[in-house]
């Protein structure tokens, strides 16, 4: 399984990844995406999932937080981002490091206080 990556998303969003050699799985809705994730989870270390599919699957995706692999990463689709990927990375970093590495909370507030 060393370094194997996959993407699950709508056909347009996965084409670029497929061209780059990433295994691509088309899913037109969250049910299809869930079924694909169940089938491929044991075979890939990193699975990219378009945000449009990741948001409705949030509860289902929590099961992957407990194991080192696969890492499921929400990414923007061809239609753009709704911010889910950044939100999840921020949350994971805060849990791991105890701080907001994007400086959207504590550190910015502290510096704002010094300028008032």
N, C-alpha and C. Protein backbone atom coordinates (compact mmCIF):
# COMPACT_ATOMS: atom_id res chain seq x y z
N UNK A 1 0.81 -1.20 0.00
CA UNK A 1 0.00 0.00 0.00
C UNK A 1 0.85 1.26 0.00
N UNK A 2 2.12 1.19 0.02
CA UNK A 2 3.00 2.33 0.17
C UNK A 2 2.66 3.48 -0.77
N UNK A 3 2.24 4.60 -0.18
CA UNK A 3 2.02 5.83 -0.92
C UNK A 3 0.84 5.85 -1.86
N UNK A 4 -0.04 4.89 -1.80
CA UNK A 4 -1.16 4.87 -2.74
C UNK A 4 -2.17 5.95 -2.41
N UNK A 5 -2.58 6.68 -3.45
CA UNK A 5 -3.55 7.76 -3.29
C UNK A 5 -4.73 7.55 -4.23
N UNK A 6 -5.88 8.04 -3.78
CA UNK A 6 -7.09 7.96 -4.60
C UNK A 6 -7.87 9.25 -4.43
N UNK A 7 -8.77 9.49 -5.36
CA UNK A 7 -9.70 10.60 -5.24
C UNK A 7 -11.11 10.08 -5.52
N UNK A 8 -12.06 10.60 -4.73
CA UNK A 8 -13.47 10.29 -4.92
C UNK A 8 -14.18 11.62 -5.13
N UNK A 9 -14.91 11.73 -6.23
CA UNK A 9 -15.61 12.97 -6.49
C UNK A 9 -16.36 12.91 -7.81
N UNK A 10 -16.92 14.04 -8.20
CA UNK A 10 -17.63 14.10 -9.48
C UNK A 10 -16.63 13.96 -10.63
N UNK A 11 -17.14 13.55 -11.77
CA UNK A 11 -16.28 13.25 -12.92
C UNK A 11 -15.35 14.37 -13.32
N UNK A 12 -15.84 15.61 -13.35
CA UNK A 12 -14.99 16.73 -13.75
C UNK A 12 -13.87 16.98 -12.75
N UNK A 13 -14.18 16.84 -11.47
CA UNK A 13 -13.19 17.14 -10.42
C UNK A 13 -12.07 16.12 -10.34
N UNK A 14 -12.34 14.89 -10.73
CA UNK A 14 -11.32 13.85 -10.57
C UNK A 14 -10.41 13.70 -11.78
N UNK A 15 -10.77 14.31 -12.90
CA UNK A 15 -9.99 14.12 -14.14
C UNK A 15 -8.54 14.57 -14.01
N UNK A 16 -8.29 15.70 -13.38
CA UNK A 16 -6.92 16.19 -13.24
C UNK A 16 -6.08 15.22 -12.41
N UNK A 17 -6.66 14.70 -11.34
CA UNK A 17 -5.95 13.74 -10.49
C UNK A 17 -5.65 12.46 -11.27
N UNK A 18 -6.63 12.02 -12.02
CA UNK A 18 -6.46 10.81 -12.82
C UNK A 18 -5.33 10.99 -13.82
N UNK A 19 -5.25 12.16 -14.44
CA UNK A 19 -4.18 12.45 -15.39
C UNK A 19 -2.81 12.42 -14.72
N UNK A 20 -2.79 12.71 -13.42
CA UNK A 20 -1.53 12.71 -12.67
C UNK A 20 -1.20 11.34 -12.08
N UNK A 21 -2.02 10.34 -12.41
CA UNK A 21 -1.71 8.98 -11.96
C UNK A 21 -2.38 8.57 -10.66
N UNK A 22 -3.27 9.40 -10.13
CA UNK A 22 -3.99 9.07 -8.90
C UNK A 22 -5.20 8.22 -9.28
N UNK A 23 -5.45 7.17 -8.53
CA UNK A 23 -6.63 6.35 -8.79
C UNK A 23 -7.87 7.19 -8.56
N UNK A 24 -8.78 7.19 -9.53
CA UNK A 24 -9.95 8.06 -9.48
C UNK A 24 -11.24 7.25 -9.47
N UNK A 25 -12.17 7.66 -8.60
CA UNK A 25 -13.45 6.99 -8.47
C UNK A 25 -14.56 8.03 -8.55
N UNK A 26 -15.40 7.89 -9.56
CA UNK A 26 -16.49 8.85 -9.75
C UNK A 26 -17.66 8.51 -8.82
N UNK A 27 -18.17 9.56 -8.16
CA UNK A 27 -19.34 9.41 -7.29
C UNK A 27 -20.24 10.61 -7.50
N UNK A 28 -21.45 10.36 -7.92
CA UNK A 28 -22.37 11.46 -8.20
C UNK A 28 -23.18 11.89 -6.98
N UNK A 29 -23.09 11.11 -5.89
CA UNK A 29 -23.82 11.48 -4.67
C UNK A 29 -23.13 10.87 -3.45
N UNK A 30 -23.59 11.27 -2.25
CA UNK A 30 -22.91 10.80 -1.04
C UNK A 30 -23.07 9.30 -0.80
N UNK A 31 -24.18 8.70 -1.22
CA UNK A 31 -24.35 7.25 -1.06
C UNK A 31 -23.29 6.50 -1.86
N UNK A 32 -23.11 6.90 -3.09
CA UNK A 32 -22.09 6.26 -3.94
C UNK A 32 -20.69 6.49 -3.36
N UNK A 33 -20.43 7.71 -2.87
CA UNK A 33 -19.13 8.00 -2.26
C UNK A 33 -18.89 7.13 -1.03
N UNK A 34 -19.90 6.97 -0.19
CA UNK A 34 -19.78 6.12 1.00
C UNK A 34 -19.45 4.69 0.61
N UNK A 35 -20.15 4.17 -0.39
CA UNK A 35 -19.90 2.80 -0.85
C UNK A 35 -18.47 2.65 -1.37
N UNK A 36 -18.02 3.62 -2.15
CA UNK A 36 -16.65 3.58 -2.68
C UNK A 36 -15.64 3.63 -1.54
N UNK A 37 -15.84 4.53 -0.59
CA UNK A 37 -14.90 4.65 0.53
C UNK A 37 -14.80 3.35 1.31
N UNK A 38 -15.92 2.70 1.53
CA UNK A 38 -15.90 1.41 2.24
C UNK A 38 -15.05 0.38 1.49
N UNK A 39 -15.16 0.39 0.17
CA UNK A 39 -14.45 -0.60 -0.65
C UNK A 39 -12.95 -0.31 -0.75
N UNK A 40 -12.56 0.95 -0.80
CA UNK A 40 -11.15 1.26 -1.08
C UNK A 40 -10.33 1.63 0.15
N UNK A 41 -10.96 1.80 1.30
CA UNK A 41 -10.27 2.31 2.49
C UNK A 41 -9.04 1.47 2.87
N UNK A 42 -9.10 0.17 2.69
CA UNK A 42 -7.98 -0.69 3.08
C UNK A 42 -6.82 -0.64 2.09
N UNK A 43 -7.08 -0.12 0.90
CA UNK A 43 -6.08 -0.18 -0.16
C UNK A 43 -5.31 1.12 -0.40
N UNK A 44 -5.70 2.21 0.26
CA UNK A 44 -5.08 3.50 0.01
C UNK A 44 -4.66 4.18 1.31
N UNK A 45 -3.56 4.91 1.26
CA UNK A 45 -3.10 5.66 2.43
C UNK A 45 -3.73 7.04 2.48
N UNK A 46 -3.92 7.65 1.32
CA UNK A 46 -4.52 8.98 1.24
C UNK A 46 -5.67 8.92 0.26
N UNK A 47 -6.82 9.41 0.71
CA UNK A 47 -8.00 9.49 -0.16
C UNK A 47 -8.49 10.93 -0.15
N UNK A 48 -8.45 11.56 -1.31
CA UNK A 48 -9.01 12.89 -1.46
C UNK A 48 -10.50 12.73 -1.74
N UNK A 49 -11.30 13.58 -1.14
CA UNK A 49 -12.75 13.53 -1.30
C UNK A 49 -13.25 14.94 -1.51
N UNK A 50 -14.00 15.17 -2.58
CA UNK A 50 -14.46 16.54 -2.83
C UNK A 50 -15.36 17.01 -1.68
N UNK A 51 -15.24 18.29 -1.37
CA UNK A 51 -15.98 18.87 -0.24
C UNK A 51 -17.48 18.67 -0.37
N UNK A 52 -17.99 18.73 -1.59
CA UNK A 52 -19.44 18.55 -1.79
C UNK A 52 -19.91 17.19 -1.30
N UNK A 53 -19.06 16.19 -1.36
CA UNK A 53 -19.40 14.86 -0.87
C UNK A 53 -18.99 14.69 0.59
N UNK A 54 -17.92 15.34 1.00
CA UNK A 54 -17.42 15.18 2.36
C UNK A 54 -18.36 15.77 3.41
N UNK A 55 -18.95 16.92 3.12
CA UNK A 55 -19.79 17.57 4.13
C UNK A 55 -20.96 16.68 4.56
N UNK A 56 -21.76 16.11 3.64
CA UNK A 56 -22.85 15.26 4.10
C UNK A 56 -22.38 13.93 4.70
N UNK A 57 -21.11 13.57 4.49
CA UNK A 57 -20.57 12.33 5.03
C UNK A 57 -19.75 12.55 6.30
N UNK A 58 -19.86 13.70 6.92
CA UNK A 58 -19.02 14.06 8.07
C UNK A 58 -19.06 13.00 9.17
N UNK A 59 -20.24 12.53 9.54
CA UNK A 59 -20.33 11.52 10.59
C UNK A 59 -19.68 10.20 10.17
N UNK A 60 -19.90 9.79 8.94
CA UNK A 60 -19.29 8.57 8.41
C UNK A 60 -17.77 8.69 8.40
N UNK A 61 -17.25 9.85 8.04
CA UNK A 61 -15.80 10.04 7.92
C UNK A 61 -15.08 10.01 9.26
N UNK A 62 -15.79 10.23 10.36
CA UNK A 62 -15.15 10.20 11.68
C UNK A 62 -14.50 8.87 11.98
N UNK A 63 -15.00 7.79 11.40
CA UNK A 63 -14.41 6.47 11.64
C UNK A 63 -12.96 6.39 11.17
N UNK A 64 -12.58 7.23 10.21
CA UNK A 64 -11.22 7.21 9.70
C UNK A 64 -10.26 8.00 10.59
N UNK A 65 -10.78 8.78 11.53
CA UNK A 65 -9.94 9.55 12.45
C UNK A 65 -9.22 8.65 13.45
N UNK A 66 -9.74 7.46 13.67
CA UNK A 66 -9.21 6.57 14.70
C UNK A 66 -8.05 5.69 14.23
N UNK A 67 -7.80 5.65 12.94
CA UNK A 67 -6.73 4.81 12.40
C UNK A 67 -5.74 5.71 11.66
N UNK A 68 -4.48 5.27 11.58
CA UNK A 68 -3.50 6.10 10.87
C UNK A 68 -3.79 6.20 9.37
N UNK A 69 -4.38 5.15 8.80
CA UNK A 69 -4.68 5.14 7.36
C UNK A 69 -6.06 4.56 7.13
N UNK A 70 -6.75 5.03 6.14
CA UNK A 70 -6.38 6.10 5.22
C UNK A 70 -6.62 7.47 5.83
N UNK A 71 -5.89 8.44 5.34
CA UNK A 71 -6.15 9.83 5.67
C UNK A 71 -7.11 10.33 4.60
N UNK A 72 -8.28 10.77 5.02
CA UNK A 72 -9.28 11.27 4.07
C UNK A 72 -9.25 12.79 4.12
N UNK A 73 -8.91 13.39 2.99
CA UNK A 73 -8.75 14.84 2.92
C UNK A 73 -9.79 15.47 2.00
N UNK A 74 -10.67 16.30 2.56
CA UNK A 74 -11.61 17.01 1.70
C UNK A 74 -10.88 18.07 0.88
N UNK A 75 -11.22 18.14 -0.38
CA UNK A 75 -10.61 19.13 -1.28
C UNK A 75 -11.72 19.82 -2.06
N UNK A 76 -11.45 21.02 -2.57
CA UNK A 76 -12.45 21.70 -3.39
C UNK A 76 -12.75 20.89 -4.66
N UNK A 77 -13.97 20.98 -5.10
CA UNK A 77 -14.33 20.35 -6.37
C UNK A 77 -14.06 21.35 -7.49
N UNK A 78 -14.36 20.97 -8.69
CA UNK A 78 -14.22 21.87 -9.83
C UNK A 78 -15.11 23.10 -9.71
N UNK A 79 -16.11 23.02 -8.84
CA UNK A 79 -17.04 24.14 -8.63
C UNK A 79 -16.54 25.13 -7.58
N UNK A 80 -15.44 24.79 -6.92
CA UNK A 80 -14.89 25.68 -5.91
C UNK A 80 -14.95 25.08 -4.52
N UNK A 81 -14.57 25.88 -3.53
CA UNK A 81 -14.47 25.42 -2.14
C UNK A 81 -15.57 26.02 -1.29
N UNK A 82 -16.04 25.23 -0.34
CA UNK A 82 -16.97 25.77 0.66
C UNK A 82 -16.29 25.93 2.01
N UNK A 83 -14.96 25.71 2.05
CA UNK A 83 -14.19 25.93 3.27
C UNK A 83 -14.05 24.72 4.17
N UNK A 84 -14.67 23.60 3.83
CA UNK A 84 -14.63 22.43 4.70
C UNK A 84 -13.22 21.90 4.90
N UNK A 85 -12.44 21.80 3.83
CA UNK A 85 -11.08 21.28 3.95
C UNK A 85 -10.24 22.09 4.93
N UNK A 86 -10.28 23.40 4.79
CA UNK A 86 -9.53 24.26 5.71
C UNK A 86 -10.04 24.12 7.14
N UNK A 87 -11.35 24.05 7.29
CA UNK A 87 -11.96 23.90 8.62
C UNK A 87 -11.47 22.62 9.30
N UNK A 88 -11.41 21.51 8.57
CA UNK A 88 -10.98 20.25 9.15
C UNK A 88 -9.49 20.23 9.46
N UNK A 89 -8.68 20.81 8.58
CA UNK A 89 -7.24 20.89 8.85
C UNK A 89 -6.99 21.75 10.09
N UNK A 90 -7.69 22.86 10.20
CA UNK A 90 -7.55 23.73 11.36
C UNK A 90 -7.91 22.97 12.64
N UNK A 91 -9.02 22.25 12.61
CA UNK A 91 -9.45 21.50 13.79
C UNK A 91 -8.46 20.42 14.18
N UNK A 92 -7.93 19.70 13.19
CA UNK A 92 -6.96 18.65 13.47
C UNK A 92 -5.67 19.23 14.04
N UNK A 93 -5.23 20.35 13.50
CA UNK A 93 -4.01 20.99 14.01
C UNK A 93 -4.21 21.49 15.44
N UNK A 94 -5.36 22.05 15.70
CA UNK A 94 -5.63 22.53 17.06
C UNK A 94 -5.65 21.38 18.06
N UNK A 95 -6.25 20.24 17.66
CA UNK A 95 -6.27 19.08 18.56
C UNK A 95 -4.86 18.57 18.80
N UNK A 96 -4.04 18.52 17.74
CA UNK A 96 -2.70 17.97 17.85
C UNK A 96 -1.72 18.91 18.54
N UNK A 97 -1.82 20.21 18.23
CA UNK A 97 -0.83 21.17 18.70
C UNK A 97 -1.32 22.07 19.83
N UNK A 98 -2.64 22.15 19.98
CA UNK A 98 -3.19 23.01 21.01
C UNK A 98 -3.28 24.48 20.61
N UNK A 99 -2.99 24.80 19.35
CA UNK A 99 -3.08 26.19 18.89
C UNK A 99 -3.69 26.23 17.50
N UNK A 100 -4.17 27.39 17.12
CA UNK A 100 -4.71 27.60 15.78
C UNK A 100 -3.56 28.06 14.89
N UNK A 101 -3.07 27.16 14.02
CA UNK A 101 -1.93 27.49 13.17
C UNK A 101 -2.29 28.48 12.08
N UNK A 102 -3.58 28.71 11.88
CA UNK A 102 -4.03 29.68 10.88
C UNK A 102 -4.20 31.06 11.50
N UNK A 103 -4.01 31.15 12.80
CA UNK A 103 -4.09 32.41 13.53
C UNK A 103 -5.42 33.13 13.33
N UNK A 104 -6.49 32.37 13.30
CA UNK A 104 -7.80 32.97 13.16
C UNK A 104 -8.50 33.17 14.49
N UNK A 105 -7.92 32.66 15.56
CA UNK A 105 -8.56 32.79 16.86
C UNK A 105 -7.62 33.47 17.85
N UNK A 106 -7.12 32.70 18.80
CA UNK A 106 -6.34 33.24 19.90
C UNK A 106 -5.23 34.21 19.54
N UNK A 107 -4.25 33.81 18.73
CA UNK A 107 -3.13 34.70 18.48
C UNK A 107 -3.53 36.04 17.86
N UNK A 108 -4.50 36.04 16.93
CA UNK A 108 -4.89 37.29 16.31
C UNK A 108 -5.56 38.19 17.34
N UNK A 109 -6.42 37.60 18.19
CA UNK A 109 -7.10 38.39 19.21
C UNK A 109 -6.09 39.05 20.14
N UNK A 110 -5.04 38.32 20.50
CA UNK A 110 -4.03 38.86 21.38
C UNK A 110 -3.33 40.05 20.72
N UNK A 111 -2.99 39.93 19.44
CA UNK A 111 -2.30 41.03 18.78
C UNK A 111 -3.24 42.21 18.55
N UNK A 112 -4.53 41.93 18.34
CA UNK A 112 -5.50 43.01 18.18
C UNK A 112 -5.63 43.80 19.48
N UNK A 113 -5.56 43.09 20.61
CA UNK A 113 -5.66 43.77 21.91
C UNK A 113 -4.50 44.71 22.13
N UNK A 114 -3.31 44.37 21.64
CA UNK A 114 -2.14 45.23 21.85
C UNK A 114 -2.21 46.48 20.99
N UNK A 115 -2.99 46.45 19.91
CA UNK A 115 -3.09 47.61 19.03
C UNK A 115 -4.24 48.54 19.40
N UNK A 116 -5.03 48.18 20.39
CA UNK A 116 -6.18 49.02 20.75
C UNK A 116 -5.80 50.07 21.75
